[in-house]
Amino acid sequence: MYRHKIKKAPSPVFGETLEAMQYTINEQRRLIDADGMKQHVRNMEDLAQCNKVTMKVIIKQLEKECDIVRQKVPFWLNADDSTSPQASILVSTDLKTCDRVLVLIPNTMEILGSWSRRLLCNENVDVGSMLSVVKRARSEGYGILILNPNAHWFVDGKATVDIPTKVDVPMVPKLNSPEEHVDYVLSTLVPEMVSKKIFFIAHKYGAHALLHTLYKQFDMFKNRVAGIALIEGVHSIDSYPDPSFQKWWSLNAAAFIQSEEGEKGQVEFRVHSGCNCYKTGTQQFDFAILDGMPIIFEFFDVRRDRDNTFSTYKDLLLPRDERDPTTAVITIQDEAVDDSYAAYVVQEEAREKEKEKEKLQVAEVVDDEEVEELTMGRLKIADEAKP
């Protein structure tokens, strides 16, 4: 008996340009296919390639319209070195001389200049990439530094975020992890900047990598950071117990999180995050990027002329400012939301005790019912035995 072998479908061949993939960007800045229909990527491979070719177009726009250039990492490489393992970051030409600087840090698996491949490919290329943020920041006088913490491997002459199948693929020095990259780039470039008004926007794991660096290099940053915006950050302050750092973090950082639509604009302090959290009013994946940006720039605008010397404001009681989430009073409850791991353990132990208590109560009820049934049965037998 012969069995019919199912042949695997051939791997799709992806183009290296939007045109080759039969996509284009329309006037609404959305990807559309050859028939003019809104593009929805078909699978993860399609999504990854669509992201790469679209970002080539976006980076050209950044370079042309926003005075952005590529900078090799690690920094010791010569300009003409194309064979050593390397990656790129994006910087504005006035980064070192600009009065205000905005640093952008993406989530894991995102390529250079991209916030969210899903938003980029399925919604809007300006929002899914960092283009709209950079354009606004440049119009307001910010220097720009875009980090690239995910391009760990050097494959076929290019840095990549994709996990390689080859065993002998080299890693890019100073890019072994997002934390190492963020620490290396900031520790190298910040001392060369004149700016004492440094702002950060970090997405998801980028928030963790940033927190790690700011704690490690606290003396360098504590008098130069004007504002920190964390979009859906997965950071935790629990591992950084220094009281001075925790206070500084709470006075400078604000998290922008998903929430119910009716909660938009509400603010609460969360112990785990170590800072106030602004509810963006969206529960859609990655849409906190879109809904959080307006208030993020208002937050930065409030602080653009502030003296960032920590000793001058650490003990000040700042008045409530609707545009600055760090000054918000607790609006959801009287006490801060304690979402730390320690609180989680305590809650789990309390739940287990409650469950055991319920089991004992159920057992007691069952025992009482059995006793009652036995007693009723004996009475019935006694009644039937009467003459």
Foldseek 3Di string as FASTA:
>chain_A
DDDDDDDDDDDDDQDLACVRNQWDQDPQQFIDGVVRHGDDADDPVSLVSVLRRLVVVLVVCCVVPQQKDWAKPPNVDDPPDQPADIAIKIWHPCQQEFQEAEEEAEDEPHAHQANASRCCHRNHVCLRGVNVVSVVCSVVRYIYIYFGQQQFWQDPRHGHNDDDPDPPTHTGPQNNGSLSVVLSVCVPCVVSHPYLEYEYEYEAQRVQSVLSNCLVPVVSNQQRYQAYEYENYPHFCVVRPDPLVLLSCQQHYEYEYEDAQVQALAWAAENGNSYIYGYQRHDDPPCSSVSVVVLVVLQSVVRVPPRSNCVVPSPDLDDDDSSHRSNDDHDPDPDGHYPHPVVVVVVVVVVVVVVVVVVVVVVVVVVVVVVVVVVVVVVVVVVVPDD
